[in-house]
Amino acid sequence: MGEKGKISVLKLVLSALFLALGIVLPFLTGQVPEIGNMLLPMHLPVLVCGYVCGWPYGLAVGAVTPILRSLMYSRPVLMPSAVAMAFELAVYGAVTGLLYAKLPKKNWSVYVSLISAMVAGRVVWGLVSIPLCGLANSAFSFEAFLGGALLNAIPGIILQLVLVPLIVMALKRAGVLKQLQL
């Protein structure tokens, strides 16, 4: 197997690790009263996956994680929550991977790609939630969008803005990201 084949297998294994983390982390944060779900534990591994493995893997892990977790544990509820989250997280993984690959490998590009992914993912979540809530016979208002995408998510947004850049920069410093970009 050539060097590119080994890297592809490594990215596949790492993607499986990120998927597993996305399924397990909600159990840990769920133990934190009142803000456990607000920490958005499934988002973190998907965002990091986009940086580490690239956009196709980040997109796939993002799309599969909430659906698989819903089917395994009934949380989040499949319809409309997990389906809308699948679109949101797929965008997270794809945008972080795409932008980080295109931008200069500077620390600021981690923040630019992260914030861009967070905004794009939340917009997609809102747009997808409109028809999904309609199918579930519930309304999706602008207030529901603000609450779900921003107000209730503030602890998770802060956590993402702190942890994801720290993890990515540590992996960059360790040479892991450069090794995976072959």
C-alpha atoms as a PDB file:
ATOM      1  CA  MET A   1       0.000   0.000   0.000  1.00  0.00           C
ATOM      2  CA  GLY A   2       1.366   3.402  -0.967  1.00  0.00           C
ATOM      3  CA  GLU A   3       1.698   6.464   1.246  1.00  0.00           C
ATOM      4  CA  LYS A   4      -1.627   7.933   0.045  1.00  0.00           C
ATOM      5  CA  GLY A   5      -3.415   4.650   0.752  1.00  0.00           C
ATOM      6  CA  LYS A   6      -2.014   4.560   4.287  1.00  0.00           C
ATOM      7  CA  ILE A   7      -3.140   8.154   4.851  1.00  0.00           C
ATOM      8  CA  SER A   8      -6.648   7.295   3.580  1.00  0.00           C
ATOM      9  CA  VAL A   9      -6.883   4.339   5.974  1.00  0.00           C
ATOM     10  CA  LEU A  10      -5.637   6.539   8.832  1.00  0.00           C
ATOM     11  CA  LYS A  11      -8.236   9.210   8.002  1.00  0.00           C
ATOM     12  CA  LEU A  12     -10.953   6.545   7.951  1.00  0.00           C
ATOM     13  CA  VAL A  13      -9.853   5.239  11.366  1.00  0.00           C
ATOM     14  CA  LEU A  14      -9.676   8.771  12.785  1.00  0.00           C
ATOM     15  CA  SER A  15     -13.130   9.515  11.368  1.00  0.00           C
ATOM     16  CA  ALA A  16     -14.467   6.453  13.186  1.00  0.00           C
ATOM     17  CA  LEU A  17     -12.857   7.779  16.369  1.00  0.00           C
ATOM     18  CA  PHE A  18     -14.513  11.186  15.888  1.00  0.00           C
ATOM     19  CA  LEU A  19     -17.851   9.479  15.225  1.00  0.00           C
ATOM     20  CA  ALA A  20     -17.473   7.459  18.437  1.00  0.00           C
ATOM     21  CA  LEU A  21     -16.604  10.613  20.382  1.00  0.00           C
ATOM     22  CA  GLY A  22     -19.697  12.313  18.968  1.00  0.00           C
ATOM     23  CA  ILE A  23     -21.816   9.454  20.271  1.00  0.00           C
ATOM     24  CA  VAL A  24     -20.153   9.218  23.713  1.00  0.00           C
ATOM     25  CA  LEU A  25     -19.532  12.874  24.648  1.00  0.00           C
ATOM     26  CA  PRO A  26     -23.240  13.686  25.184  1.00  0.00           C
ATOM     27  CA  PHE A  27     -23.265  11.103  27.992  1.00  0.00           C
ATOM     28  CA  LEU A  28     -20.534  13.050  29.787  1.00  0.00           C
ATOM     29  CA  THR A  29     -21.977  16.524  29.307  1.00  0.00           C
ATOM     30  CA  GLY A  30     -25.461  15.266  30.146  1.00  0.00           C
ATOM     31  CA  GLN A  31     -24.208  14.887  33.717  1.00  0.00           C
ATOM     32  CA  VAL A  32     -23.788  18.668  34.002  1.00  0.00           C
ATOM     33  CA  PRO A  33     -27.124  19.988  35.250  1.00  0.00           C
ATOM     34  CA  GLU A  34     -28.853  22.758  33.311  1.00  0.00           C
ATOM     35  CA  ILE A  35     -26.117  23.340  30.691  1.00  0.00           C
ATOM     36  CA  GLY A  36     -25.111  19.804  29.645  1.00  0.00           C
ATOM     37  CA  ASN A  37     -27.035  19.880  26.355  1.00  0.00           C
ATOM     38  CA  MET A  38     -26.070  23.513  25.794  1.00  0.00           C
ATOM     39  CA  LEU A  39     -22.410  22.447  25.528  1.00  0.00           C
ATOM     40  CA  LEU A  40     -23.164  20.932  22.099  1.00  0.00           C
ATOM     41  CA  PRO A  41     -20.985  17.845  22.637  1.00  0.00           C
ATOM     42  CA  MET A  42     -21.603  16.270  19.222  1.00  0.00           C
ATOM     43  CA  HIS A  43     -20.337  19.383  17.468  1.00  0.00           C
ATOM     44  CA  LEU A  44     -16.773  19.279  18.835  1.00  0.00           C
ATOM     45  CA  PRO A  45     -15.548  16.005  17.265  1.00  0.00           C
ATOM     46  CA  VAL A  46     -17.191  16.866  13.941  1.00  0.00           C
ATOM     47  CA  LEU A  47     -15.472  20.260  13.788  1.00  0.00           C
ATOM     48  CA  VAL A  48     -12.088  18.741  14.655  1.00  0.00           C
ATOM     49  CA  CYS A  49     -12.641  15.940  12.128  1.00  0.00           C
ATOM     50  CA  GLY A  50     -12.953  18.502   9.339  1.00  0.00           C
ATOM     51  CA  TYR A  51      -9.557  19.958  10.238  1.00  0.00           C
ATOM     52  CA  VAL A  52      -7.787  16.659  10.802  1.00  0.00           C
ATOM     53  CA  CYS A  53      -9.250  14.441   8.084  1.00  0.00           C
ATOM     54  CA  GLY A  54     -10.535  16.945   5.523  1.00  0.00           C
ATOM     55  CA  TRP A  55     -13.926  17.998   4.266  1.00  0.00           C
ATOM     56  CA  PRO A  56     -15.264  14.688   2.871  1.00  0.00           C
ATOM     57  CA  TYR A  57     -14.647  12.904   6.160  1.00  0.00           C
ATOM     58  CA  GLY A  58     -15.919  15.833   8.219  1.00  0.00           C
ATOM     59  CA  LEU A  59     -19.075  15.978   6.111  1.00  0.00           C
ATOM     60  CA  ALA A  60     -19.690  12.234   6.493  1.00  0.00           C
ATOM     61  CA  VAL A  61     -19.044  12.167  10.246  1.00  0.00           C
ATOM     62  CA  GLY A  62     -21.265  15.223  10.695  1.00  0.00           C
ATOM     63  CA  ALA A  63     -24.109  13.698   8.695  1.00  0.00           C
ATOM     64  CA  VAL A  64     -23.975  10.313  10.410  1.00  0.00           C
ATOM     65  CA  THR A  65     -23.330  11.184  14.076  1.00  0.00           C
ATOM     66  CA  PRO A  66     -26.724  12.640  15.125  1.00  0.00           C
ATOM     67  CA  ILE A  67     -28.707  10.090  13.103  1.00  0.00           C
ATOM     68  CA  LEU A  68     -26.744   7.147  14.496  1.00  0.00           C
ATOM     69  CA  ARG A  69     -26.957   8.482  18.059  1.00  0.00           C
ATOM     70  CA  SER A  70     -30.693   8.990  17.666  1.00  0.00           C
ATOM     71  CA  LEU A  71     -31.174   5.447  16.367  1.00  0.00           C
ATOM     72  CA  MET A  72     -29.031   4.003  19.153  1.00  0.00           C
ATOM     73  CA  TYR A  73     -30.244   6.046  22.128  1.00  0.00           C
ATOM     74  CA  SER A  74     -33.323   8.004  20.947  1.00  0.00           C
ATOM     75  CA  ARG A  75     -31.444  11.237  21.738  1.00  0.00           C
ATOM     76  CA  PRO A  76     -31.641  13.567  20.000  1.00  0.00           C
ATOM     77  CA  VAL A  77     -35.145  12.793  18.827  1.00  0.00           C
ATOM     78  CA  LEU A  78     -34.864  11.652  15.213  1.00  0.00           C
ATOM     79  CA  MET A  79     -37.476  13.968  13.735  1.00  0.00           C
ATOM     80  CA  PRO A  80     -36.949  16.878  13.414  1.00  0.00           C
ATOM     81  CA  SER A  81     -33.933  17.316  15.734  1.00  0.00           C
ATOM     82  CA  ALA A  82     -31.435  14.655  14.628  1.00  0.00           C
ATOM     83  CA  VAL A  83     -32.217  15.109  10.929  1.00  0.00           C
ATOM     84  CA  ALA A  84     -31.727  18.890  11.148  1.00  0.00           C
ATOM     85  CA  MET A  85     -28.565  18.383  13.193  1.00  0.00           C
ATOM     86  CA  ALA A  86     -27.237  15.983  10.546  1.00  0.00           C
ATOM     87  CA  PHE A  87     -27.374  18.775   7.976  1.00  0.00           C
ATOM     88  CA  GLU A  88     -25.889  21.285  10.412  1.00  0.00           C
ATOM     89  CA  LEU A  89     -23.001  19.041  11.466  1.00  0.00           C
ATOM     90  CA  ALA A  90     -22.314  17.940   7.889  1.00  0.00           C
ATOM     91  CA  VAL A  91     -21.844  21.609   7.006  1.00  0.00           C
ATOM     92  CA  TYR A  92     -19.578  22.066  10.057  1.00  0.00           C
ATOM     93  CA  GLY A  93     -17.291  19.230   9.023  1.00  0.00           C
ATOM     94  CA  ALA A  94     -17.260  20.213   5.355  1.00  0.00           C
ATOM     95  CA  VAL A  95     -16.677  23.945   5.867  1.00  0.00           C
ATOM     96  CA  THR A  96     -13.883  23.541   8.432  1.00  0.00           C
ATOM     97  CA  GLY A  97     -12.134  21.056   6.158  1.00  0.00           C
ATOM     98  CA  LEU A  98     -12.602  23.071   2.965  1.00  0.00           C
ATOM     99  CA  LEU A  99     -11.609  26.457   4.378  1.00  0.00           C
ATOM    100  CA  TYR A 100      -8.682  25.165   6.397  1.00  0.00           C
ATOM    101  CA  ALA A 101      -7.321  23.438   3.287  1.00  0.00           C
ATOM    102  CA  LYS A 102      -7.633  26.633   1.210  1.00  0.00           C
ATOM    103  CA  LEU A 103      -6.460  29.230   3.749  1.00  0.00           C
ATOM    104  CA  PRO A 104      -2.827  29.797   4.708  1.00  0.00           C
ATOM    105  CA  LYS A 105      -1.734  27.512   7.544  1.00  0.00           C
ATOM    106  CA  LYS A 106      -1.737  30.337  10.097  1.00  0.00           C
ATOM    107  CA  ASN A 107      -3.425  30.308  13.491  1.00  0.00           C
ATOM    108  CA  TRP A 108      -5.955  32.947  12.384  1.00  0.00           C
ATOM    109  CA  SER A 109      -7.186  30.615   9.629  1.00  0.00           C
ATOM    110  CA  VAL A 110      -8.341  28.150  12.288  1.00  0.00           C
ATOM    111  CA  TYR A 111     -10.607  30.855  13.709  1.00  0.00           C
ATOM    112  CA  VAL A 112     -11.825  32.030  10.293  1.00  0.00           C
ATOM    113  CA  SER A 113     -12.741  28.513   9.197  1.00  0.00           C
ATOM    114  CA  LEU A 114     -14.298  27.675  12.581  1.00  0.00           C
ATOM    115  CA  ILE A 115     -16.469  30.783  12.777  1.00  0.00           C
ATOM    116  CA  SER A 116     -17.478  30.419   9.121  1.00  0.00           C
ATOM    117  CA  ALA A 117     -18.479  26.790   9.726  1.00  0.00           C
ATOM    118  CA  MET A 118     -20.433  27.710  12.858  1.00  0.00           C
ATOM    119  CA  VAL A 119     -22.388  30.412  11.045  1.00  0.00           C
ATOM    120  CA  ALA A 120     -23.005  28.322   7.910  1.00  0.00           C
ATOM    121  CA  GLY A 121     -24.059  25.278   9.930  1.00  0.00           C
ATOM    122  CA  ARG A 122     -26.512  27.248  12.024  1.00  0.00           C
ATOM    123  CA  VAL A 123     -28.039  28.868   8.938  1.00  0.00           C
ATOM    124  CA  VAL A 124     -28.439  25.457   7.298  1.00  0.00           C
ATOM    125  CA  TRP A 125     -29.946  24.075  10.535  1.00  0.00           C
ATOM    126  CA  GLY A 126     -32.504  26.890  10.483  1.00  0.00           C
ATOM    127  CA  LEU A 127     -33.351  26.445   6.807  1.00  0.00           C
ATOM    128  CA  VAL A 128     -33.720  22.674   7.132  1.00  0.00           C
ATOM    129  CA  SER A 129     -35.755  23.000  10.345  1.00  0.00           C
ATOM    130  CA  ILE A 130     -38.508  24.966   8.586  1.00  0.00           C
ATOM    131  CA  PRO A 131     -39.781  22.117   6.367  1.00  0.00           C
ATOM    132  CA  LEU A 132     -38.932  19.426   8.948  1.00  0.00           C
ATOM    133  CA  CYS A 133     -41.001  21.145  11.627  1.00  0.00           C
ATOM    134  CA  GLY A 134     -43.772  21.565   9.067  1.00  0.00           C
ATOM    135  CA  LEU A 135     -43.741  17.805   8.483  1.00  0.00           C
ATOM    136  CA  ALA A 136     -43.901  17.283  12.248  1.00  0.00           C
ATOM    137  CA  ASN A 137     -46.888  19.669  12.464  1.00  0.00           C
ATOM    138  CA  SER A 138     -45.030  22.244  14.521  1.00  0.00           C
ATOM    139  CA  ALA A 139     -44.054  25.794  13.696  1.00  0.00           C
ATOM    140  CA  PHE A 140     -40.479  26.966  13.397  1.00  0.00           C
ATOM    141  CA  SER A 141     -40.376  30.685  14.123  1.00  0.00           C
ATOM    142  CA  PHE A 142     -37.569  33.195  14.022  1.00  0.00           C
ATOM    143  CA  GLU A 143     -37.616  33.122  17.836  1.00  0.00           C
ATOM    144  CA  ALA A 144     -37.115  29.340  17.752  1.00  0.00           C
ATOM    145  CA  PHE A 145     -34.188  29.845  15.380  1.00  0.00           C
ATOM    146  CA  LEU A 146     -32.573  32.458  17.647  1.00  0.00           C
ATOM    147  CA  GLY A 147     -33.125  30.298  20.709  1.00  0.00           C
ATOM    148  CA  GLY A 148     -31.805  27.091  19.154  1.00  0.00           C
ATOM    149  CA  ALA A 149     -28.994  28.530  17.073  1.00  0.00           C
ATOM    150  CA  LEU A 150     -27.740  31.234  19.384  1.00  0.00           C
ATOM    151  CA  LEU A 151     -29.218  31.921  22.814  1.00  0.00           C
ATOM    152  CA  ASN A 152     -29.426  28.348  24.146  1.00  0.00           C
ATOM    153  CA  ALA A 153     -26.142  27.492  22.431  1.00  0.00           C
ATOM    154  CA  ILE A 154     -23.949  30.196  24.015  1.00  0.00           C
ATOM    155  CA  PRO A 155     -22.075  27.802  26.373  1.00  0.00           C
ATOM    156  CA  GLY A 156     -21.392  25.437  23.452  1.00  0.00           C
ATOM    157  CA  ILE A 157     -20.335  28.274  21.161  1.00  0.00           C
ATOM    158  CA  ILE A 158     -17.838  29.485  23.770  1.00  0.00           C
ATOM    159  CA  LEU A 159     -16.563  25.935  24.282  1.00  0.00           C
ATOM    160  CA  GLN A 160     -16.111  25.493  20.526  1.00  0.00           C
ATOM    161  CA  LEU A 161     -14.284  28.816  20.166  1.00  0.00           C
ATOM    162  CA  VAL A 162     -11.893  27.833  22.965  1.00  0.00           C
ATOM    163  CA  LEU A 163     -11.364  24.071  22.557  1.00  0.00           C
ATOM    164  CA  VAL A 164     -11.362  23.544  18.797  1.00  0.00           C
ATOM    165  CA  PRO A 165      -8.556  26.052  18.054  1.00  0.00           C
ATOM    166  CA  LEU A 166      -6.508  24.695  20.985  1.00  0.00           C
ATOM    167  CA  ILE A 167      -6.857  21.130  19.711  1.00  0.00           C
ATOM    168  CA  VAL A 168      -6.138  22.048  16.084  1.00  0.00           C
ATOM    169  CA  MET A 169      -3.126  24.205  16.973  1.00  0.00           C
ATOM    170  CA  ALA A 170      -1.737  21.469  19.248  1.00  0.00           C
ATOM    171  CA  LEU A 171      -2.105  18.909  16.456  1.00  0.00           C
ATOM    172  CA  LYS A 172      -0.504  21.364  14.035  1.00  0.00           C
ATOM    173  CA  ARG A 173       2.424  21.960  16.410  1.00  0.00           C
ATOM    174  CA  ALA A 174       2.858  18.202  16.823  1.00  0.00           C
ATOM    175  CA  GLY A 175       3.037  17.798  13.033  1.00  0.00           C
ATOM    176  CA  VAL A 176      -0.064  15.590  12.868  1.00  0.00           C
ATOM    177  CA  LEU A 177      -1.987  17.825  10.454  1.00  0.00           C
ATOM    178  CA  LYS A 178       0.931  18.184   8.070  1.00  0.00           C
ATOM    179  CA  GLN A 179       1.420  14.422   8.032  1.00  0.00           C
ATOM    180  CA  LEU A 180      -2.237  13.846   7.131  1.00  0.00           C
ATOM    181  CA  GLN A 181      -2.212  16.383   4.276  1.00  0.00           C
ATOM    182  CA  LEU A 182      -0.041  14.215   2.004  1.00  0.00           C
END
